[in-house]
Amino acid sequence: MAEHTFTSWKTLDRRTILDCGKFLKVEMHTVALPDGRVIDDWTWVVSPDFINVVAETVDGDYLCFRQTKYAVQGTSLAVVGGYIEPGEPPLTAAKRELLEETGYEAPEWIGLGAYPVEANRGVQTGHFFLARGARQVADPTADDLEEQEILRLTRAEMARGLAAGEFKVLAWTAIVALALLWQPVPGSHIDGS
């Protein structure tokens, strides 16, 4: 099968139409399409990139939270996460957030990818990590606004929570699925056994 060569859209101009500070800006772009058409009013949303971490302890349990979020009905299972500071590498942010939110550090870090939240409107990119061998070295110091409870779940409990829709935010669902796929159960069809 012959591979098609695609041409990217080109930003010709941009202007800010809403500035709510460091967490949200909305821009209006003028973009040129590969076929030569120009769109003068393409809305683009700017928010800081973020990290999410699935942390596996030295005992093989997974750290997560039961918490509330403003846009989520009821409580949700959640993973470690937070915004990346300006100039901060994603892995550094992931290590910082794991320590702040849980008091844990991990010696092994596996990148699970970086994914744009919205393919056509920007918004932000989520950087996903699996931290393995995590040990508690301090008390949590997170200043999150939401109520949250740290949980230690088994792999099976994580998988059941994922299947039951208990991770109610798309990024959390995606990273838990990726982490569980990255570490298949021995003897399962996923690991080829």
C-alpha atoms as a PDB file:
ATOM      1  CA  MET A   1       0.000   0.000   0.000  1.00  0.00           C
ATOM      2  CA  ALA A   2       1.467   3.357  -1.041  1.00  0.00           C
ATOM      3  CA  GLU A   3       1.887   5.894   1.701  1.00  0.00           C
ATOM      4  CA  HIS A   4       0.230   9.252   1.145  1.00  0.00           C
ATOM      5  CA  THR A   5       2.189  12.402   1.976  1.00  0.00           C
ATOM      6  CA  PHE A   6       0.112  14.858   3.971  1.00  0.00           C
ATOM      7  CA  THR A   7       0.725  18.571   4.267  1.00  0.00           C
ATOM      8  CA  SER A   8       0.153  20.293   7.586  1.00  0.00           C
ATOM      9  CA  TRP A   9      -1.986  23.350   8.089  1.00  0.00           C
ATOM     10  CA  LYS A  10      -0.021  26.589   8.382  1.00  0.00           C
ATOM     11  CA  THR A  11      -0.707  29.337  10.930  1.00  0.00           C
ATOM     12  CA  LEU A  12      -0.607  32.695   9.150  1.00  0.00           C
ATOM     13  CA  ASP A  13      -1.676  34.899  12.063  1.00  0.00           C
ATOM     14  CA  ARG A  14      -2.907  34.646  15.644  1.00  0.00           C
ATOM     15  CA  ARG A  15      -4.453  37.051  18.101  1.00  0.00           C
ATOM     16  CA  THR A  16      -5.614  36.606  21.691  1.00  0.00           C
ATOM     17  CA  ILE A  17      -9.356  37.142  22.144  1.00  0.00           C
ATOM     18  CA  LEU A  18      -9.622  36.021  25.791  1.00  0.00           C
ATOM     19  CA  ASP A  19      -6.889  36.031  28.443  1.00  0.00           C
ATOM     20  CA  CYS A  20      -7.788  34.490  31.806  1.00  0.00           C
ATOM     21  CA  GLY A  21      -4.207  34.310  33.076  1.00  0.00           C
ATOM     22  CA  LYS A  22      -1.806  31.394  33.105  1.00  0.00           C
ATOM     23  CA  PHE A  23      -4.449  28.663  32.978  1.00  0.00           C
ATOM     24  CA  LEU A  24      -6.565  29.692  29.972  1.00  0.00           C
ATOM     25  CA  LYS A  25      -6.269  31.786  26.831  1.00  0.00           C
ATOM     26  CA  VAL A  26      -8.324  31.693  23.669  1.00  0.00           C
ATOM     27  CA  GLU A  27      -6.793  32.754  20.374  1.00  0.00           C
ATOM     28  CA  MET A  28      -8.232  33.346  16.916  1.00  0.00           C
ATOM     29  CA  HIS A  29      -5.968  31.973  14.187  1.00  0.00           C
ATOM     30  CA  THR A  30      -5.806  32.556  10.476  1.00  0.00           C
ATOM     31  CA  VAL A  31      -4.774  29.250   8.917  1.00  0.00           C
ATOM     32  CA  ALA A  32      -3.899  28.118   5.416  1.00  0.00           C
ATOM     33  CA  LEU A  33      -5.108  24.673   4.389  1.00  0.00           C
ATOM     34  CA  PRO A  34      -2.998  22.440   2.137  1.00  0.00           C
ATOM     35  CA  ASP A  35      -5.423  23.075  -0.781  1.00  0.00           C
ATOM     36  CA  GLY A  36      -4.812  26.840  -0.561  1.00  0.00           C
ATOM     37  CA  ARG A  37      -8.009  27.835   1.234  1.00  0.00           C
ATOM     38  CA  VAL A  38      -7.593  30.291   4.113  1.00  0.00           C
ATOM     39  CA  ILE A  39      -9.721  30.224   7.263  1.00  0.00           C
ATOM     40  CA  ASP A  40      -9.721  33.574   9.055  1.00  0.00           C
ATOM     41  CA  ASP A  41     -11.465  32.560  12.283  1.00  0.00           C
ATOM     42  CA  TRP A  42     -10.067  29.290  13.628  1.00  0.00           C
ATOM     43  CA  THR A  43     -10.517  29.202  17.417  1.00  0.00           C
ATOM     44  CA  TRP A  44      -7.527  27.920  19.384  1.00  0.00           C
ATOM     45  CA  VAL A  45      -7.494  27.206  23.130  1.00  0.00           C
ATOM     46  CA  VAL A  46      -4.275  27.489  25.158  1.00  0.00           C
ATOM     47  CA  SER A  47      -3.870  25.857  28.585  1.00  0.00           C
ATOM     48  CA  PRO A  48      -0.673  24.541  30.219  1.00  0.00           C
ATOM     49  CA  ASP A  49       0.432  21.030  29.335  1.00  0.00           C
ATOM     50  CA  PHE A  50      -0.004  18.495  32.113  1.00  0.00           C
ATOM     51  CA  ILE A  51       1.323  15.199  33.401  1.00  0.00           C
ATOM     52  CA  ASN A  52      -0.435  12.123  34.707  1.00  0.00           C
ATOM     53  CA  VAL A  53       1.307   9.306  36.553  1.00  0.00           C
ATOM     54  CA  VAL A  54       0.258   5.757  37.339  1.00  0.00           C
ATOM     55  CA  ALA A  55       2.460   4.811  40.288  1.00  0.00           C
ATOM     56  CA  GLU A  56       3.142   1.191  41.182  1.00  0.00           C
ATOM     57  CA  THR A  57       4.574   0.623  44.660  1.00  0.00           C
ATOM     58  CA  VAL A  58       7.369  -1.773  45.582  1.00  0.00           C
ATOM     59  CA  ASP A  59       4.586  -4.068  46.850  1.00  0.00           C
ATOM     60  CA  GLY A  60       2.873  -4.123  43.441  1.00  0.00           C
ATOM     61  CA  ASP A  61      -0.087  -1.946  44.482  1.00  0.00           C
ATOM     62  CA  TYR A  62      -1.141   1.121  42.521  1.00  0.00           C
ATOM     63  CA  LEU A  63      -1.549   4.556  44.064  1.00  0.00           C
ATOM     64  CA  CYS A  64      -4.607   6.511  43.091  1.00  0.00           C
ATOM     65  CA  PHE A  65      -7.151   8.810  44.634  1.00  0.00           C
ATOM     66  CA  ARG A  66     -10.843   8.858  45.251  1.00  0.00           C
ATOM     67  CA  GLN A  67     -11.700  12.516  44.802  1.00  0.00           C
ATOM     68  CA  THR A  68     -14.063  15.173  43.591  1.00  0.00           C
ATOM     69  CA  LYS A  69     -13.600  17.503  40.614  1.00  0.00           C
ATOM     70  CA  TYR A  70     -15.705  20.504  39.691  1.00  0.00           C
ATOM     71  CA  ALA A  71     -16.731  19.088  36.287  1.00  0.00           C
ATOM     72  CA  VAL A  72     -17.346  15.510  37.497  1.00  0.00           C
ATOM     73  CA  GLN A  73     -20.549  14.269  39.105  1.00  0.00           C
ATOM     74  CA  GLY A  74     -19.862  12.564  42.429  1.00  0.00           C
ATOM     75  CA  THR A  75     -16.467  11.068  43.153  1.00  0.00           C
ATOM     76  CA  SER A  76     -13.983   9.587  40.719  1.00  0.00           C
ATOM     77  CA  LEU A  77     -10.919   7.418  40.884  1.00  0.00           C
ATOM     78  CA  ALA A  78      -7.966   9.531  39.767  1.00  0.00           C
ATOM     79  CA  VAL A  79      -4.245   9.252  39.135  1.00  0.00           C
ATOM     80  CA  VAL A  80      -1.480  11.655  40.103  1.00  0.00           C
ATOM     81  CA  GLY A  81      -1.509  14.708  37.886  1.00  0.00           C
ATOM     82  CA  GLY A  82      -0.769  18.369  37.534  1.00  0.00           C
ATOM     83  CA  TYR A  83       0.299  21.199  35.292  1.00  0.00           C
ATOM     84  CA  ILE A  84       3.828  21.481  33.929  1.00  0.00           C
ATOM     85  CA  GLU A  85       5.499  24.714  35.030  1.00  0.00           C
ATOM     86  CA  PRO A  86       6.979  26.973  32.299  1.00  0.00           C
ATOM     87  CA  GLY A  87      10.323  25.531  31.164  1.00  0.00           C
ATOM     88  CA  GLU A  88       9.906  22.383  33.273  1.00  0.00           C
ATOM     89  CA  PRO A  89      10.550  19.054  31.497  1.00  0.00           C
ATOM     90  CA  PRO A  90       7.517  16.707  31.697  1.00  0.00           C
ATOM     91  CA  LEU A  91       9.415  13.993  33.607  1.00  0.00           C
ATOM     92  CA  THR A  92      10.563  16.527  36.202  1.00  0.00           C
ATOM     93  CA  ALA A  93       6.950  17.662  36.622  1.00  0.00           C
ATOM     94  CA  ALA A  94       5.823  14.039  36.985  1.00  0.00           C
ATOM     95  CA  LYS A  95       8.368  13.342  39.724  1.00  0.00           C
ATOM     96  CA  ARG A  96       7.467  16.593  41.509  1.00  0.00           C
ATOM     97  CA  GLU A  97       3.729  15.888  41.398  1.00  0.00           C
ATOM     98  CA  LEU A  98       4.143  12.286  42.605  1.00  0.00           C
ATOM     99  CA  LEU A  99       6.120  13.487  45.626  1.00  0.00           C
ATOM    100  CA  GLU A 100       3.798  16.426  46.381  1.00  0.00           C
ATOM    101  CA  GLU A 101       0.539  14.513  46.029  1.00  0.00           C
ATOM    102  CA  THR A 102       1.521  11.185  47.606  1.00  0.00           C
ATOM    103  CA  GLY A 103       4.872  11.557  49.362  1.00  0.00           C
ATOM    104  CA  TYR A 104       6.280   8.778  47.137  1.00  0.00           C
ATOM    105  CA  GLU A 105       9.365   8.620  44.916  1.00  0.00           C
ATOM    106  CA  ALA A 106      10.088   5.980  42.284  1.00  0.00           C
ATOM    107  CA  PRO A 107      13.386   4.779  40.785  1.00  0.00           C
ATOM    108  CA  GLU A 108      11.935   3.599  37.450  1.00  0.00           C
ATOM    109  CA  TRP A 109      10.016   5.866  35.062  1.00  0.00           C
ATOM    110  CA  ILE A 110       8.468   4.738  31.795  1.00  0.00           C
ATOM    111  CA  GLY A 111       7.107   7.253  29.315  1.00  0.00           C
ATOM    112  CA  LEU A 112       3.688   6.194  28.013  1.00  0.00           C
ATOM    113  CA  GLY A 113       3.424   8.973  25.419  1.00  0.00           C
ATOM    114  CA  ALA A 114       2.322  12.570  24.965  1.00  0.00           C
ATOM    115  CA  TYR A 115      -1.185  13.181  23.631  1.00  0.00           C
ATOM    116  CA  PRO A 116      -2.952  16.360  22.497  1.00  0.00           C
ATOM    117  CA  VAL A 117      -6.259  16.768  24.324  1.00  0.00           C
ATOM    118  CA  GLU A 118      -8.080  18.120  21.277  1.00  0.00           C
ATOM    119  CA  ALA A 119      -6.796  17.535  17.746  1.00  0.00           C
ATOM    120  CA  ASN A 120      -8.326  20.621  16.141  1.00  0.00           C
ATOM    121  CA  ARG A 121      -8.512  23.250  18.886  1.00  0.00           C
ATOM    122  CA  GLY A 122      -5.266  22.785  20.785  1.00  0.00           C
ATOM    123  CA  VAL A 123      -6.063  23.075  24.490  1.00  0.00           C
ATOM    124  CA  GLN A 124      -3.025  21.203  25.920  1.00  0.00           C
ATOM    125  CA  THR A 125      -0.933  18.057  25.726  1.00  0.00           C
ATOM    126  CA  GLY A 126      -0.975  15.343  28.385  1.00  0.00           C
ATOM    127  CA  HIS A 127       2.331  13.594  29.122  1.00  0.00           C
ATOM    128  CA  PHE A 128       1.787  10.124  30.625  1.00  0.00           C
ATOM    129  CA  PHE A 129       4.187   8.174  32.833  1.00  0.00           C
ATOM    130  CA  LEU A 130       4.315   4.863  34.663  1.00  0.00           C
ATOM    131  CA  ALA A 131       6.400   5.057  37.867  1.00  0.00           C
ATOM    132  CA  ARG A 132       7.543   1.690  39.213  1.00  0.00           C
ATOM    133  CA  GLY A 133       8.998   0.683  42.555  1.00  0.00           C
ATOM    134  CA  ALA A 134       7.497   3.682  44.364  1.00  0.00           C
ATOM    135  CA  ARG A 135       8.264   4.090  48.082  1.00  0.00           C
ATOM    136  CA  GLN A 136       6.897   6.623  50.522  1.00  0.00           C
ATOM    137  CA  VAL A 137       9.626   9.060  51.588  1.00  0.00           C
ATOM    138  CA  ALA A 138       7.540  11.968  52.957  1.00  0.00           C
ATOM    139  CA  ASP A 139       4.048  13.084  53.797  1.00  0.00           C
ATOM    140  CA  PRO A 140       1.962  14.474  50.908  1.00  0.00           C
ATOM    141  CA  THR A 141       2.132  18.271  50.549  1.00  0.00           C
ATOM    142  CA  ALA A 142      -0.393  18.795  47.752  1.00  0.00           C
ATOM    143  CA  ASP A 143      -2.413  22.000  47.772  1.00  0.00           C
ATOM    144  CA  ASP A 144      -5.203  20.651  45.577  1.00  0.00           C
ATOM    145  CA  LEU A 145      -8.601  22.282  45.993  1.00  0.00           C
ATOM    146  CA  GLU A 146     -10.515  19.005  45.800  1.00  0.00           C
ATOM    147  CA  GLU A 147     -11.156  16.576  48.613  1.00  0.00           C
ATOM    148  CA  GLN A 148      -9.155  13.435  47.988  1.00  0.00           C
ATOM    149  CA  GLU A 149      -8.235  10.173  49.644  1.00  0.00           C
ATOM    150  CA  ILE A 150      -5.101   8.212  48.679  1.00  0.00           C
ATOM    151  CA  LEU A 151      -5.866   4.581  47.856  1.00  0.00           C
ATOM    152  CA  ARG A 152      -3.639   1.566  47.252  1.00  0.00           C
ATOM    153  CA  LEU A 153      -5.343  -0.698  44.720  1.00  0.00           C
ATOM    154  CA  THR A 154      -4.317  -4.052  43.324  1.00  0.00           C
ATOM    155  CA  ARG A 155      -3.875  -4.473  39.602  1.00  0.00           C
ATOM    156  CA  ALA A 156      -7.218  -6.303  39.475  1.00  0.00           C
ATOM    157  CA  GLU A 157      -8.942  -3.456  41.348  1.00  0.00           C
ATOM    158  CA  MET A 158      -7.473  -0.914  38.919  1.00  0.00           C
ATOM    159  CA  ALA A 159      -8.699  -2.990  35.971  1.00  0.00           C
ATOM    160  CA  ARG A 160     -12.176  -3.351  37.498  1.00  0.00           C
ATOM    161  CA  GLY A 161     -12.343   0.393  38.190  1.00  0.00           C
ATOM    162  CA  LEU A 162     -11.323   1.090  34.600  1.00  0.00           C
ATOM    163  CA  ALA A 163     -13.925  -1.327  33.186  1.00  0.00           C
ATOM    164  CA  ALA A 164     -16.641   0.100  35.457  1.00  0.00           C
ATOM    165  CA  GLY A 165     -15.988   3.689  34.366  1.00  0.00           C
ATOM    166  CA  GLU A 166     -14.803   4.768  37.816  1.00  0.00           C
ATOM    167  CA  PHE A 167     -11.981   6.866  36.294  1.00  0.00           C
ATOM    168  CA  LYS A 168     -14.351   9.586  35.077  1.00  0.00           C
ATOM    169  CA  VAL A 169     -11.879  11.819  33.210  1.00  0.00           C
ATOM    170  CA  LEU A 170     -10.687  10.809  29.737  1.00  0.00           C
ATOM    171  CA  ALA A 171      -6.976  11.353  30.476  1.00  0.00           C
ATOM    172  CA  TRP A 172      -7.191   9.180  33.619  1.00  0.00           C
ATOM    173  CA  THR A 173      -8.997   6.434  31.740  1.00  0.00           C
ATOM    174  CA  ALA A 174      -6.401   6.534  28.962  1.00  0.00           C
ATOM    175  CA  ILE A 175      -3.336   6.406  31.201  1.00  0.00           C
ATOM    176  CA  VAL A 176      -4.702   3.587  33.364  1.00  0.00           C
ATOM    177  CA  ALA A 177      -5.468   1.564  30.227  1.00  0.00           C
ATOM    178  CA  LEU A 178      -1.992   2.256  28.813  1.00  0.00           C
ATOM    179  CA  ALA A 179      -0.289   1.349  32.101  1.00  0.00           C
ATOM    180  CA  LEU A 180      -2.225  -1.898  32.414  1.00  0.00           C
ATOM    181  CA  LEU A 181      -1.473  -2.791  28.780  1.00  0.00           C
ATOM    182  CA  TRP A 182       2.191  -1.986  29.294  1.00  0.00           C
ATOM    183  CA  GLN A 183       2.287  -4.484  32.156  1.00  0.00           C
ATOM    184  CA  PRO A 184       0.242  -7.443  30.936  1.00  0.00           C
ATOM    185  CA  VAL A 185      -0.788 -10.153  33.355  1.00  0.00           C
ATOM    186  CA  PRO A 186       1.582 -13.143  33.032  1.00  0.00           C
ATOM    187  CA  GLY A 187      -0.099 -15.935  31.099  1.00  0.00           C
ATOM    188  CA  SER A 188      -2.636 -13.629  29.459  1.00  0.00           C
ATOM    189  CA  HIS A 189      -3.147 -13.400  25.725  1.00  0.00           C
ATOM    190  CA  ILE A 190      -1.748  -9.828  25.851  1.00  0.00           C
ATOM    191  CA  ASP A 191       1.784 -10.931  26.820  1.00  0.00           C
ATOM    192  CA  GLY A 192       1.837 -13.647  24.158  1.00  0.00           C
ATOM    193  CA  SER A 193       2.018 -16.519  26.658  1.00  0.00           C
END
